[in-house]
PDBML (XML) file of the C-alpha atoms, coordinates in Angstrom:
<?xml version="1.0" encoding="UTF-8" ?>
<PDBx:datablock datablockName="MODEL"
   xmlns:PDBx="http://pdbml.pdb.org/schema/pdbx-v50.xsd"
   xmlns:xsi="http://www.w3.org/2001/XMLSchema-instance"
   xsi:schemaLocation="http://pdbml.pdb.org/schema/pdbx-v50.xsd pdbx-v50.xsd">
   <PDBx:atom_siteCategory>
      <PDBx:atom_site id="1">
         <PDBx:B_iso_or_equiv>0.00</PDBx:B_iso_or_equiv>
         <PDBx:Cartn_x>8.931</PDBx:Cartn_x>
         <PDBx:Cartn_y>6.733</PDBx:Cartn_y>
         <PDBx:Cartn_z>5.819</PDBx:Cartn_z>
         <PDBx:auth_asym_id>A</PDBx:auth_asym_id>
         <PDBx:auth_atom_id>CA</PDBx:auth_atom_id>
         <PDBx:auth_comp_id>UNK</PDBx:auth_comp_id>
         <PDBx:auth_seq_id>1</PDBx:auth_seq_id>
         <PDBx:group_PDB>ATOM</PDBx:group_PDB>
         <PDBx:label_alt_id xsi:nil="true" />
         <PDBx:label_asym_id>A</PDBx:label_asym_id>
         <PDBx:label_atom_id>CA</PDBx:label_atom_id>
         <PDBx:label_comp_id>UNK</PDBx:label_comp_id>
         <PDBx:label_entity_id>1</PDBx:label_entity_id>
         <PDBx:label_seq_id>1</PDBx:label_seq_id>
         <PDBx:occupancy>1.00</PDBx:occupancy>
         <PDBx:pdbx_PDB_model_num>1</PDBx:pdbx_PDB_model_num>
         <PDBx:type_symbol>C</PDBx:type_symbol>
      </PDBx:atom_site>
      <PDBx:atom_site id="2">
         <PDBx:B_iso_or_equiv>0.00</PDBx:B_iso_or_equiv>
         <PDBx:Cartn_x>7.523</PDBx:Cartn_x>
         <PDBx:Cartn_y>4.215</PDBx:Cartn_y>
         <PDBx:Cartn_z>8.291</PDBx:Cartn_z>
         <PDBx:auth_asym_id>A</PDBx:auth_asym_id>
         <PDBx:auth_atom_id>CA</PDBx:auth_atom_id>
         <PDBx:auth_comp_id>UNK</PDBx:auth_comp_id>
         <PDBx:auth_seq_id>2</PDBx:auth_seq_id>
         <PDBx:group_PDB>ATOM</PDBx:group_PDB>
         <PDBx:label_alt_id xsi:nil="true" />
         <PDBx:label_asym_id>A</PDBx:label_asym_id>
         <PDBx:label_atom_id>CA</PDBx:label_atom_id>
         <PDBx:label_comp_id>UNK</PDBx:label_comp_id>
         <PDBx:label_entity_id>1</PDBx:label_entity_id>
         <PDBx:label_seq_id>2</PDBx:label_seq_id>
         <PDBx:occupancy>1.00</PDBx:occupancy>
         <PDBx:pdbx_PDB_model_num>1</PDBx:pdbx_PDB_model_num>
         <PDBx:type_symbol>C</PDBx:type_symbol>
      </PDBx:atom_site>
      <PDBx:atom_site id="3">
         <PDBx:B_iso_or_equiv>0.00</PDBx:B_iso_or_equiv>
         <PDBx:Cartn_x>4.112</PDBx:Cartn_x>
         <PDBx:Cartn_y>5.896</PDBx:Cartn_y>
         <PDBx:Cartn_z>8.359</PDBx:Cartn_z>
         <PDBx:auth_asym_id>A</PDBx:auth_asym_id>
         <PDBx:auth_atom_id>CA</PDBx:auth_atom_id>
         <PDBx:auth_comp_id>UNK</PDBx:auth_comp_id>
         <PDBx:auth_seq_id>3</PDBx:auth_seq_id>
         <PDBx:group_PDB>ATOM</PDBx:group_PDB>
         <PDBx:label_alt_id xsi:nil="true" />
         <PDBx:label_asym_id>A</PDBx:label_asym_id>
         <PDBx:label_atom_id>CA</PDBx:label_atom_id>
         <PDBx:label_comp_id>UNK</PDBx:label_comp_id>
         <PDBx:label_entity_id>1</PDBx:label_entity_id>
         <PDBx:label_seq_id>3</PDBx:label_seq_id>
         <PDBx:occupancy>1.00</PDBx:occupancy>
         <PDBx:pdbx_PDB_model_num>1</PDBx:pdbx_PDB_model_num>
         <PDBx:type_symbol>C</PDBx:type_symbol>
      </PDBx:atom_site>
      <PDBx:atom_site id="4">
         <PDBx:B_iso_or_equiv>0.00</PDBx:B_iso_or_equiv>
         <PDBx:Cartn_x>3.810</PDBx:Cartn_x>
         <PDBx:Cartn_y>5.739</PDBx:Cartn_y>
         <PDBx:Cartn_z>4.554</PDBx:Cartn_z>
         <PDBx:auth_asym_id>A</PDBx:auth_asym_id>
         <PDBx:auth_atom_id>CA</PDBx:auth_atom_id>
         <PDBx:auth_comp_id>UNK</PDBx:auth_comp_id>
         <PDBx:auth_seq_id>4</PDBx:auth_seq_id>
         <PDBx:group_PDB>ATOM</PDBx:group_PDB>
         <PDBx:label_alt_id xsi:nil="true" />
         <PDBx:label_asym_id>A</PDBx:label_asym_id>
         <PDBx:label_atom_id>CA</PDBx:label_atom_id>
         <PDBx:label_comp_id>UNK</PDBx:label_comp_id>
         <PDBx:label_entity_id>1</PDBx:label_entity_id>
         <PDBx:label_seq_id>4</PDBx:label_seq_id>
         <PDBx:occupancy>1.00</PDBx:occupancy>
         <PDBx:pdbx_PDB_model_num>1</PDBx:pdbx_PDB_model_num>
         <PDBx:type_symbol>C</PDBx:type_symbol>
      </PDBx:atom_site>
      <PDBx:atom_site id="5">
         <PDBx:B_iso_or_equiv>0.00</PDBx:B_iso_or_equiv>
         <PDBx:Cartn_x>4.990</PDBx:Cartn_x>
         <PDBx:Cartn_y>2.120</PDBx:Cartn_y>
         <PDBx:Cartn_z>4.424</PDBx:Cartn_z>
         <PDBx:auth_asym_id>A</PDBx:auth_asym_id>
         <PDBx:auth_atom_id>CA</PDBx:auth_atom_id>
         <PDBx:auth_comp_id>UNK</PDBx:auth_comp_id>
         <PDBx:auth_seq_id>5</PDBx:auth_seq_id>
         <PDBx:group_PDB>ATOM</PDBx:group_PDB>
         <PDBx:label_alt_id xsi:nil="true" />
         <PDBx:label_asym_id>A</PDBx:label_asym_id>
         <PDBx:label_atom_id>CA</PDBx:label_atom_id>
         <PDBx:label_comp_id>UNK</PDBx:label_comp_id>
         <PDBx:label_entity_id>1</PDBx:label_entity_id>
         <PDBx:label_seq_id>5</PDBx:label_seq_id>
         <PDBx:occupancy>1.00</PDBx:occupancy>
         <PDBx:pdbx_PDB_model_num>1</PDBx:pdbx_PDB_model_num>
         <PDBx:type_symbol>C</PDBx:type_symbol>
      </PDBx:atom_site>
      <PDBx:atom_site id="6">
         <PDBx:B_iso_or_equiv>0.00</PDBx:B_iso_or_equiv>
         <PDBx:Cartn_x>2.508</PDBx:Cartn_x>
         <PDBx:Cartn_y>0.985</PDBx:Cartn_y>
         <PDBx:Cartn_z>7.071</PDBx:Cartn_z>
         <PDBx:auth_asym_id>A</PDBx:auth_asym_id>
         <PDBx:auth_atom_id>CA</PDBx:auth_atom_id>
         <PDBx:auth_comp_id>UNK</PDBx:auth_comp_id>
         <PDBx:auth_seq_id>6</PDBx:auth_seq_id>
         <PDBx:group_PDB>ATOM</PDBx:group_PDB>
         <PDBx:label_alt_id xsi:nil="true" />
         <PDBx:label_asym_id>A</PDBx:label_asym_id>
         <PDBx:label_atom_id>CA</PDBx:label_atom_id>
         <PDBx:label_comp_id>UNK</PDBx:label_comp_id>
         <PDBx:label_entity_id>1</PDBx:label_entity_id>
         <PDBx:label_seq_id>6</PDBx:label_seq_id>
         <PDBx:occupancy>1.00</PDBx:occupancy>
         <PDBx:pdbx_PDB_model_num>1</PDBx:pdbx_PDB_model_num>
         <PDBx:type_symbol>C</PDBx:type_symbol>
      </PDBx:atom_site>
      <PDBx:atom_site id="7">
         <PDBx:B_iso_or_equiv>0.00</PDBx:B_iso_or_equiv>
         <PDBx:Cartn_x>-0.295</PDBx:Cartn_x>
         <PDBx:Cartn_y>2.854</PDBx:Cartn_y>
         <PDBx:Cartn_z>5.355</PDBx:Cartn_z>
         <PDBx:auth_asym_id>A</PDBx:auth_asym_id>
         <PDBx:auth_atom_id>CA</PDBx:auth_atom_id>
         <PDBx:auth_comp_id>UNK</PDBx:auth_comp_id>
         <PDBx:auth_seq_id>7</PDBx:auth_seq_id>
         <PDBx:group_PDB>ATOM</PDBx:group_PDB>
         <PDBx:label_alt_id xsi:nil="true" />
         <PDBx:label_asym_id>A</PDBx:label_asym_id>
         <PDBx:label_atom_id>CA</PDBx:label_atom_id>
         <PDBx:label_comp_id>UNK</PDBx:label_comp_id>
         <PDBx:label_entity_id>1</PDBx:label_entity_id>
         <PDBx:label_seq_id>7</PDBx:label_seq_id>
         <PDBx:occupancy>1.00</PDBx:occupancy>
         <PDBx:pdbx_PDB_model_num>1</PDBx:pdbx_PDB_model_num>
         <PDBx:type_symbol>C</PDBx:type_symbol>
      </PDBx:atom_site>
      <PDBx:atom_site id="8">
         <PDBx:B_iso_or_equiv>0.00</PDBx:B_iso_or_equiv>
         <PDBx:Cartn_x>0.591</PDBx:Cartn_x>
         <PDBx:Cartn_y>1.111</PDBx:Cartn_y>
         <PDBx:Cartn_z>2.072</PDBx:Cartn_z>
         <PDBx:auth_asym_id>A</PDBx:auth_asym_id>
         <PDBx:auth_atom_id>CA</PDBx:auth_atom_id>
         <PDBx:auth_comp_id>UNK</PDBx:auth_comp_id>
         <PDBx:auth_seq_id>8</PDBx:auth_seq_id>
         <PDBx:group_PDB>ATOM</PDBx:group_PDB>
         <PDBx:label_alt_id xsi:nil="true" />
         <PDBx:label_asym_id>A</PDBx:label_asym_id>
         <PDBx:label_atom_id>CA</PDBx:label_atom_id>
         <PDBx:label_comp_id>UNK</PDBx:label_comp_id>
         <PDBx:label_entity_id>1</PDBx:label_entity_id>
         <PDBx:label_seq_id>8</PDBx:label_seq_id>
         <PDBx:occupancy>1.00</PDBx:occupancy>
         <PDBx:pdbx_PDB_model_num>1</PDBx:pdbx_PDB_model_num>
         <PDBx:type_symbol>C</PDBx:type_symbol>
      </PDBx:atom_site>
      <PDBx:atom_site id="9">
         <PDBx:B_iso_or_equiv>0.00</PDBx:B_iso_or_equiv>
         <PDBx:Cartn_x>0.446</PDBx:Cartn_x>
         <PDBx:Cartn_y>-2.240</PDBx:Cartn_y>
         <PDBx:Cartn_z>3.880</PDBx:Cartn_z>
         <PDBx:auth_asym_id>A</PDBx:auth_asym_id>
         <PDBx:auth_atom_id>CA</PDBx:auth_atom_id>
         <PDBx:auth_comp_id>UNK</PDBx:auth_comp_id>
         <PDBx:auth_seq_id>9</PDBx:auth_seq_id>
         <PDBx:group_PDB>ATOM</PDBx:group_PDB>
         <PDBx:label_alt_id xsi:nil="true" />
         <PDBx:label_asym_id>A</PDBx:label_asym_id>
         <PDBx:label_atom_id>CA</PDBx:label_atom_id>
         <PDBx:label_comp_id>UNK</PDBx:label_comp_id>
         <PDBx:label_entity_id>1</PDBx:label_entity_id>
         <PDBx:label_seq_id>9</PDBx:label_seq_id>
         <PDBx:occupancy>1.00</PDBx:occupancy>
         <PDBx:pdbx_PDB_model_num>1</PDBx:pdbx_PDB_model_num>
         <PDBx:type_symbol>C</PDBx:type_symbol>
      </PDBx:atom_site>
      <PDBx:atom_site id="10">
         <PDBx:B_iso_or_equiv>0.00</PDBx:B_iso_or_equiv>
         <PDBx:Cartn_x>-3.119</PDBx:Cartn_x>
         <PDBx:Cartn_y>-1.547</PDBx:Cartn_y>
         <PDBx:Cartn_z>4.962</PDBx:Cartn_z>
         <PDBx:auth_asym_id>A</PDBx:auth_asym_id>
         <PDBx:auth_atom_id>CA</PDBx:auth_atom_id>
         <PDBx:auth_comp_id>UNK</PDBx:auth_comp_id>
         <PDBx:auth_seq_id>10</PDBx:auth_seq_id>
         <PDBx:group_PDB>ATOM</PDBx:group_PDB>
         <PDBx:label_alt_id xsi:nil="true" />
         <PDBx:label_asym_id>A</PDBx:label_asym_id>
         <PDBx:label_atom_id>CA</PDBx:label_atom_id>
         <PDBx:label_comp_id>UNK</PDBx:label_comp_id>
         <PDBx:label_entity_id>1</PDBx:label_entity_id>
         <PDBx:label_seq_id>10</PDBx:label_seq_id>
         <PDBx:occupancy>1.00</PDBx:occupancy>
         <PDBx:pdbx_PDB_model_num>1</PDBx:pdbx_PDB_model_num>
         <PDBx:type_symbol>C</PDBx:type_symbol>
      </PDBx:atom_site>
      <PDBx:atom_site id="11">
         <PDBx:B_iso_or_equiv>0.00</PDBx:B_iso_or_equiv>
         <PDBx:Cartn_x>-4.082</PDBx:Cartn_x>
         <PDBx:Cartn_y>-0.204</PDBx:Cartn_y>
         <PDBx:Cartn_z>1.529</PDBx:Cartn_z>
         <PDBx:auth_asym_id>A</PDBx:auth_asym_id>
         <PDBx:auth_atom_id>CA</PDBx:auth_atom_id>
         <PDBx:auth_comp_id>UNK</PDBx:auth_comp_id>
         <PDBx:auth_seq_id>11</PDBx:auth_seq_id>
         <PDBx:group_PDB>ATOM</PDBx:group_PDB>
         <PDBx:label_alt_id xsi:nil="true" />
         <PDBx:label_asym_id>A</PDBx:label_asym_id>
         <PDBx:label_atom_id>CA</PDBx:label_atom_id>
         <PDBx:label_comp_id>UNK</PDBx:label_comp_id>
         <PDBx:label_entity_id>1</PDBx:label_entity_id>
         <PDBx:label_seq_id>11</PDBx:label_seq_id>
         <PDBx:occupancy>1.00</PDBx:occupancy>
         <PDBx:pdbx_PDB_model_num>1</PDBx:pdbx_PDB_model_num>
         <PDBx:type_symbol>C</PDBx:type_symbol>
      </PDBx:atom_site>
      <PDBx:atom_site id="12">
         <PDBx:B_iso_or_equiv>0.00</PDBx:B_iso_or_equiv>
         <PDBx:Cartn_x>-2.780</PDBx:Cartn_x>
         <PDBx:Cartn_y>-3.402</PDBx:Cartn_y>
         <PDBx:Cartn_z>-0.063</PDBx:Cartn_z>
         <PDBx:auth_asym_id>A</PDBx:auth_asym_id>
         <PDBx:auth_atom_id>CA</PDBx:auth_atom_id>
         <PDBx:auth_comp_id>UNK</PDBx:auth_comp_id>
         <PDBx:auth_seq_id>12</PDBx:auth_seq_id>
         <PDBx:group_PDB>ATOM</PDBx:group_PDB>
         <PDBx:label_alt_id xsi:nil="true" />
         <PDBx:label_asym_id>A</PDBx:label_asym_id>
         <PDBx:label_atom_id>CA</PDBx:label_atom_id>
         <PDBx:label_comp_id>UNK</PDBx:label_comp_id>
         <PDBx:label_entity_id>1</PDBx:label_entity_id>
         <PDBx:label_seq_id>12</PDBx:label_seq_id>
         <PDBx:occupancy>1.00</PDBx:occupancy>
         <PDBx:pdbx_PDB_model_num>1</PDBx:pdbx_PDB_model_num>
         <PDBx:type_symbol>C</PDBx:type_symbol>
      </PDBx:atom_site>
      <PDBx:atom_site id="13">
         <PDBx:B_iso_or_equiv>0.00</PDBx:B_iso_or_equiv>
         <PDBx:Cartn_x>-4.892</PDBx:Cartn_x>
         <PDBx:Cartn_y>-5.641</PDBx:Cartn_y>
         <PDBx:Cartn_z>2.177</PDBx:Cartn_z>
         <PDBx:auth_asym_id>A</PDBx:auth_asym_id>
         <PDBx:auth_atom_id>CA</PDBx:auth_atom_id>
         <PDBx:auth_comp_id>UNK</PDBx:auth_comp_id>
         <PDBx:auth_seq_id>13</PDBx:auth_seq_id>
         <PDBx:group_PDB>ATOM</PDBx:group_PDB>
         <PDBx:label_alt_id xsi:nil="true" />
         <PDBx:label_asym_id>A</PDBx:label_asym_id>
         <PDBx:label_atom_id>CA</PDBx:label_atom_id>
         <PDBx:label_comp_id>UNK</PDBx:label_comp_id>
         <PDBx:label_entity_id>1</PDBx:label_entity_id>
         <PDBx:label_seq_id>13</PDBx:label_seq_id>
         <PDBx:occupancy>1.00</PDBx:occupancy>
         <PDBx:pdbx_PDB_model_num>1</PDBx:pdbx_PDB_model_num>
         <PDBx:type_symbol>C</PDBx:type_symbol>
      </PDBx:atom_site>
      <PDBx:atom_site id="14">
         <PDBx:B_iso_or_equiv>0.00</PDBx:B_iso_or_equiv>
         <PDBx:Cartn_x>-2.556</PDBx:Cartn_x>
         <PDBx:Cartn_y>-6.134</PDBx:Cartn_y>
         <PDBx:Cartn_z>5.182</PDBx:Cartn_z>
         <PDBx:auth_asym_id>A</PDBx:auth_asym_id>
         <PDBx:auth_atom_id>CA</PDBx:auth_atom_id>
         <PDBx:auth_comp_id>UNK</PDBx:auth_comp_id>
         <PDBx:auth_seq_id>14</PDBx:auth_seq_id>
         <PDBx:group_PDB>ATOM</PDBx:group_PDB>
         <PDBx:label_alt_id xsi:nil="true" />
         <PDBx:label_asym_id>A</PDBx:label_asym_id>
         <PDBx:label_atom_id>CA</PDBx:label_atom_id>
         <PDBx:label_comp_id>UNK</PDBx:label_comp_id>
         <PDBx:label_entity_id>1</PDBx:label_entity_id>
         <PDBx:label_seq_id>14</PDBx:label_seq_id>
         <PDBx:occupancy>1.00</PDBx:occupancy>
         <PDBx:pdbx_PDB_model_num>1</PDBx:pdbx_PDB_model_num>
         <PDBx:type_symbol>C</PDBx:type_symbol>
      </PDBx:atom_site>
      <PDBx:atom_site id="15">
         <PDBx:B_iso_or_equiv>0.00</PDBx:B_iso_or_equiv>
         <PDBx:Cartn_x>-0.853</PDBx:Cartn_x>
         <PDBx:Cartn_y>-9.157</PDBx:Cartn_y>
         <PDBx:Cartn_z>3.592</PDBx:Cartn_z>
         <PDBx:auth_asym_id>A</PDBx:auth_asym_id>
         <PDBx:auth_atom_id>CA</PDBx:auth_atom_id>
         <PDBx:auth_comp_id>UNK</PDBx:auth_comp_id>
         <PDBx:auth_seq_id>15</PDBx:auth_seq_id>
         <PDBx:group_PDB>ATOM</PDBx:group_PDB>
         <PDBx:label_alt_id xsi:nil="true" />
         <PDBx:label_asym_id>A</PDBx:label_asym_id>
         <PDBx:label_atom_id>CA</PDBx:label_atom_id>
         <PDBx:label_comp_id>UNK</PDBx:label_comp_id>
         <PDBx:label_entity_id>1</PDBx:label_entity_id>
         <PDBx:label_seq_id>15</PDBx:label_seq_id>
         <PDBx:occupancy>1.00</PDBx:occupancy>
         <PDBx:pdbx_PDB_model_num>1</PDBx:pdbx_PDB_model_num>
         <PDBx:type_symbol>C</PDBx:type_symbol>
      </PDBx:atom_site>
      <PDBx:atom_site id="16">
         <PDBx:B_iso_or_equiv>0.00</PDBx:B_iso_or_equiv>
         <PDBx:Cartn_x>2.197</PDBx:Cartn_x>
         <PDBx:Cartn_y>-7.534</PDBx:Cartn_y>
         <PDBx:Cartn_z>1.864</PDBx:Cartn_z>
         <PDBx:auth_asym_id>A</PDBx:auth_asym_id>
         <PDBx:auth_atom_id>CA</PDBx:auth_atom_id>
         <PDBx:auth_comp_id>UNK</PDBx:auth_comp_id>
         <PDBx:auth_seq_id>16</PDBx:auth_seq_id>
         <PDBx:group_PDB>ATOM</PDBx:group_PDB>
         <PDBx:label_alt_id xsi:nil="true" />
         <PDBx:label_asym_id>A</PDBx:label_asym_id>
         <PDBx:label_atom_id>CA</PDBx:label_atom_id>
         <PDBx:label_comp_id>UNK</PDBx:label_comp_id>
         <PDBx:label_entity_id>1</PDBx:label_entity_id>
         <PDBx:label_seq_id>16</PDBx:label_seq_id>
         <PDBx:occupancy>1.00</PDBx:occupancy>
         <PDBx:pdbx_PDB_model_num>1</PDBx:pdbx_PDB_model_num>
         <PDBx:type_symbol>C</PDBx:type_symbol>
      </PDBx:atom_site>
      <PDBx:atom_site id="17">
         <PDBx:B_iso_or_equiv>0.00</PDBx:B_iso_or_equiv>
         <PDBx:Cartn_x>0.320</PDBx:Cartn_x>
         <PDBx:Cartn_y>-7.051</PDBx:Cartn_y>
         <PDBx:Cartn_z>-1.399</PDBx:Cartn_z>
         <PDBx:auth_asym_id>A</PDBx:auth_asym_id>
         <PDBx:auth_atom_id>CA</PDBx:auth_atom_id>
         <PDBx:auth_comp_id>UNK</PDBx:auth_comp_id>
         <PDBx:auth_seq_id>17</PDBx:auth_seq_id>
         <PDBx:group_PDB>ATOM</PDBx:group_PDB>
         <PDBx:label_alt_id xsi:nil="true" />
         <PDBx:label_asym_id>A</PDBx:label_asym_id>
         <PDBx:label_atom_id>CA</PDBx:label_atom_id>
         <PDBx:label_comp_id>UNK</PDBx:label_comp_id>
         <PDBx:label_entity_id>1</PDBx:label_entity_id>
         <PDBx:label_seq_id>17</PDBx:label_seq_id>
         <PDBx:occupancy>1.00</PDBx:occupancy>
         <PDBx:pdbx_PDB_model_num>1</PDBx:pdbx_PDB_model_num>
         <PDBx:type_symbol>C</PDBx:type_symbol>
      </PDBx:atom_site>
      <PDBx:atom_site id="18">
         <PDBx:B_iso_or_equiv>0.00</PDBx:B_iso_or_equiv>
         <PDBx:Cartn_x>1.003</PDBx:Cartn_x>
         <PDBx:Cartn_y>-3.559</PDBx:Cartn_y>
         <PDBx:Cartn_z>-2.744</PDBx:Cartn_z>
         <PDBx:auth_asym_id>A</PDBx:auth_asym_id>
         <PDBx:auth_atom_id>CA</PDBx:auth_atom_id>
         <PDBx:auth_comp_id>UNK</PDBx:auth_comp_id>
         <PDBx:auth_seq_id>18</PDBx:auth_seq_id>
         <PDBx:group_PDB>ATOM</PDBx:group_PDB>
         <PDBx:label_alt_id xsi:nil="true" />
         <PDBx:label_asym_id>A</PDBx:label_asym_id>
         <PDBx:label_atom_id>CA</PDBx:label_atom_id>
         <PDBx:label_comp_id>UNK</PDBx:label_comp_id>
         <PDBx:label_entity_id>1</PDBx:label_entity_id>
         <PDBx:label_seq_id>18</PDBx:label_seq_id>
         <PDBx:occupancy>1.00</PDBx:occupancy>
         <PDBx:pdbx_PDB_model_num>1</PDBx:pdbx_PDB_model_num>
         <PDBx:type_symbol>C</PDBx:type_symbol>
      </PDBx:atom_site>
      <PDBx:atom_site id="19">
         <PDBx:B_iso_or_equiv>0.00</PDBx:B_iso_or_equiv>
         <PDBx:Cartn_x>-1.598</PDBx:Cartn_x>
         <PDBx:Cartn_y>-0.904</PDBx:Cartn_y>
         <PDBx:Cartn_z>-3.570</PDBx:Cartn_z>
         <PDBx:auth_asym_id>A</PDBx:auth_asym_id>
         <PDBx:auth_atom_id>CA</PDBx:auth_atom_id>
         <PDBx:auth_comp_id>UNK</PDBx:auth_comp_id>
         <PDBx:auth_seq_id>19</PDBx:auth_seq_id>
         <PDBx:group_PDB>ATOM</PDBx:group_PDB>
         <PDBx:label_alt_id xsi:nil="true" />
         <PDBx:label_asym_id>A</PDBx:label_asym_id>
         <PDBx:label_atom_id>CA</PDBx:label_atom_id>
         <PDBx:label_comp_id>UNK</PDBx:label_comp_id>
         <PDBx:label_entity_id>1</PDBx:label_entity_id>
         <PDBx:label_seq_id>19</PDBx:label_seq_id>
         <PDBx:occupancy>1.00</PDBx:occupancy>
         <PDBx:pdbx_PDB_model_num>1</PDBx:pdbx_PDB_model_num>
         <PDBx:type_symbol>C</PDBx:type_symbol>
      </PDBx:atom_site>
      <PDBx:atom_site id="20">
         <PDBx:B_iso_or_equiv>0.00</PDBx:B_iso_or_equiv>
         <PDBx:Cartn_x>-1.669</PDBx:Cartn_x>
         <PDBx:Cartn_y>-0.131</PDBx:Cartn_y>
         <PDBx:Cartn_z>-7.299</PDBx:Cartn_z>
         <PDBx:auth_asym_id>A</PDBx:auth_asym_id>
         <PDBx:auth_atom_id>CA</PDBx:auth_atom_id>
         <PDBx:auth_comp_id>UNK</PDBx:auth_comp_id>
         <PDBx:auth_seq_id>20</PDBx:auth_seq_id>
         <PDBx:group_PDB>ATOM</PDBx:group_PDB>
         <PDBx:label_alt_id xsi:nil="true" />
         <PDBx:label_asym_id>A</PDBx:label_asym_id>
         <PDBx:label_atom_id>CA</PDBx:label_atom_id>
         <PDBx:label_comp_id>UNK</PDBx:label_comp_id>
         <PDBx:label_entity_id>1</PDBx:label_entity_id>
         <PDBx:label_seq_id>20</PDBx:label_seq_id>
         <PDBx:occupancy>1.00</PDBx:occupancy>
         <PDBx:pdbx_PDB_model_num>1</PDBx:pdbx_PDB_model_num>
         <PDBx:type_symbol>C</PDBx:type_symbol>
      </PDBx:atom_site>
      <PDBx:atom_site id="21">
         <PDBx:B_iso_or_equiv>0.00</PDBx:B_iso_or_equiv>
         <PDBx:Cartn_x>-3.579</PDBx:Cartn_x>
         <PDBx:Cartn_y>1.989</PDBx:Cartn_y>
         <PDBx:Cartn_z>-9.797</PDBx:Cartn_z>
         <PDBx:auth_asym_id>A</PDBx:auth_asym_id>
         <PDBx:auth_atom_id>CA</PDBx:auth_atom_id>
         <PDBx:auth_comp_id>UNK</PDBx:auth_comp_id>
         <PDBx:auth_seq_id>21</PDBx:auth_seq_id>
         <PDBx:group_PDB>ATOM</PDBx:group_PDB>
         <PDBx:label_alt_id xsi:nil="true" />
         <PDBx:label_asym_id>A</PDBx:label_asym_id>
         <PDBx:label_atom_id>CA</PDBx:label_atom_id>
         <PDBx:label_comp_id>UNK</PDBx:label_comp_id>
         <PDBx:label_entity_id>1</PDBx:label_entity_id>
         <PDBx:label_seq_id>21</PDBx:label_seq_id>
         <PDBx:occupancy>1.00</PDBx:occupancy>
         <PDBx:pdbx_PDB_model_num>1</PDBx:pdbx_PDB_model_num>
         <PDBx:type_symbol>C</PDBx:type_symbol>
      </PDBx:atom_site>
      <PDBx:atom_site id="22">
         <PDBx:B_iso_or_equiv>0.00</PDBx:B_iso_or_equiv>
         <PDBx:Cartn_x>-3.544</PDBx:Cartn_x>
         <PDBx:Cartn_y>2.654</PDBx:Cartn_y>
         <PDBx:Cartn_z>-13.518</PDBx:Cartn_z>
         <PDBx:auth_asym_id>A</PDBx:auth_asym_id>
         <PDBx:auth_atom_id>CA</PDBx:auth_atom_id>
         <PDBx:auth_comp_id>UNK</PDBx:auth_comp_id>
         <PDBx:auth_seq_id>22</PDBx:auth_seq_id>
         <PDBx:group_PDB>ATOM</PDBx:group_PDB>
         <PDBx:label_alt_id xsi:nil="true" />
         <PDBx:label_asym_id>A</PDBx:label_asym_id>
         <PDBx:label_atom_id>CA</PDBx:label_atom_id>
         <PDBx:label_comp_id>UNK</PDBx:label_comp_id>
         <PDBx:label_entity_id>1</PDBx:label_entity_id>
         <PDBx:label_seq_id>22</PDBx:label_seq_id>
         <PDBx:occupancy>1.00</PDBx:occupancy>
         <PDBx:pdbx_PDB_model_num>1</PDBx:pdbx_PDB_model_num>
         <PDBx:type_symbol>C</PDBx:type_symbol>
      </PDBx:atom_site>
      <PDBx:atom_site id="23">
         <PDBx:B_iso_or_equiv>0.00</PDBx:B_iso_or_equiv>
         <PDBx:Cartn_x>-2.137</PDBx:Cartn_x>
         <PDBx:Cartn_y>6.055</PDBx:Cartn_y>
         <PDBx:Cartn_z>-14.493</PDBx:Cartn_z>
         <PDBx:auth_asym_id>A</PDBx:auth_asym_id>
         <PDBx:auth_atom_id>CA</PDBx:auth_atom_id>
         <PDBx:auth_comp_id>UNK</PDBx:auth_comp_id>
         <PDBx:auth_seq_id>23</PDBx:auth_seq_id>
         <PDBx:group_PDB>ATOM</PDBx:group_PDB>
         <PDBx:label_alt_id xsi:nil="true" />
         <PDBx:label_asym_id>A</PDBx:label_asym_id>
         <PDBx:label_atom_id>CA</PDBx:label_atom_id>
         <PDBx:label_comp_id>UNK</PDBx:label_comp_id>
         <PDBx:label_entity_id>1</PDBx:label_entity_id>
         <PDBx:label_seq_id>23</PDBx:label_seq_id>
         <PDBx:occupancy>1.00</PDBx:occupancy>
         <PDBx:pdbx_PDB_model_num>1</PDBx:pdbx_PDB_model_num>
         <PDBx:type_symbol>C</PDBx:type_symbol>
      </PDBx:atom_site>
      <PDBx:atom_site id="24">
         <PDBx:B_iso_or_equiv>0.00</PDBx:B_iso_or_equiv>
         <PDBx:Cartn_x>-5.330</PDBx:Cartn_x>
         <PDBx:Cartn_y>7.153</PDBx:Cartn_y>
         <PDBx:Cartn_z>-16.246</PDBx:Cartn_z>
         <PDBx:auth_asym_id>A</PDBx:auth_asym_id>
         <PDBx:auth_atom_id>CA</PDBx:auth_atom_id>
         <PDBx:auth_comp_id>UNK</PDBx:auth_comp_id>
         <PDBx:auth_seq_id>24</PDBx:auth_seq_id>
         <PDBx:group_PDB>ATOM</PDBx:group_PDB>
         <PDBx:label_alt_id xsi:nil="true" />
         <PDBx:label_asym_id>A</PDBx:label_asym_id>
         <PDBx:label_atom_id>CA</PDBx:label_atom_id>
         <PDBx:label_comp_id>UNK</PDBx:label_comp_id>
         <PDBx:label_entity_id>1</PDBx:label_entity_id>
         <PDBx:label_seq_id>24</PDBx:label_seq_id>
         <PDBx:occupancy>1.00</PDBx:occupancy>
         <PDBx:pdbx_PDB_model_num>1</PDBx:pdbx_PDB_model_num>
         <PDBx:type_symbol>C</PDBx:type_symbol>
      </PDBx:atom_site>
   </PDBx:atom_siteCategory>
</PDBx:datablock>
């Protein structure tokens, strides 16, 4: 869990923004 959450933090810009993508 922690590994995925920290990876998402980096993917989002390391400022608590979340990574996102359109389904298509």
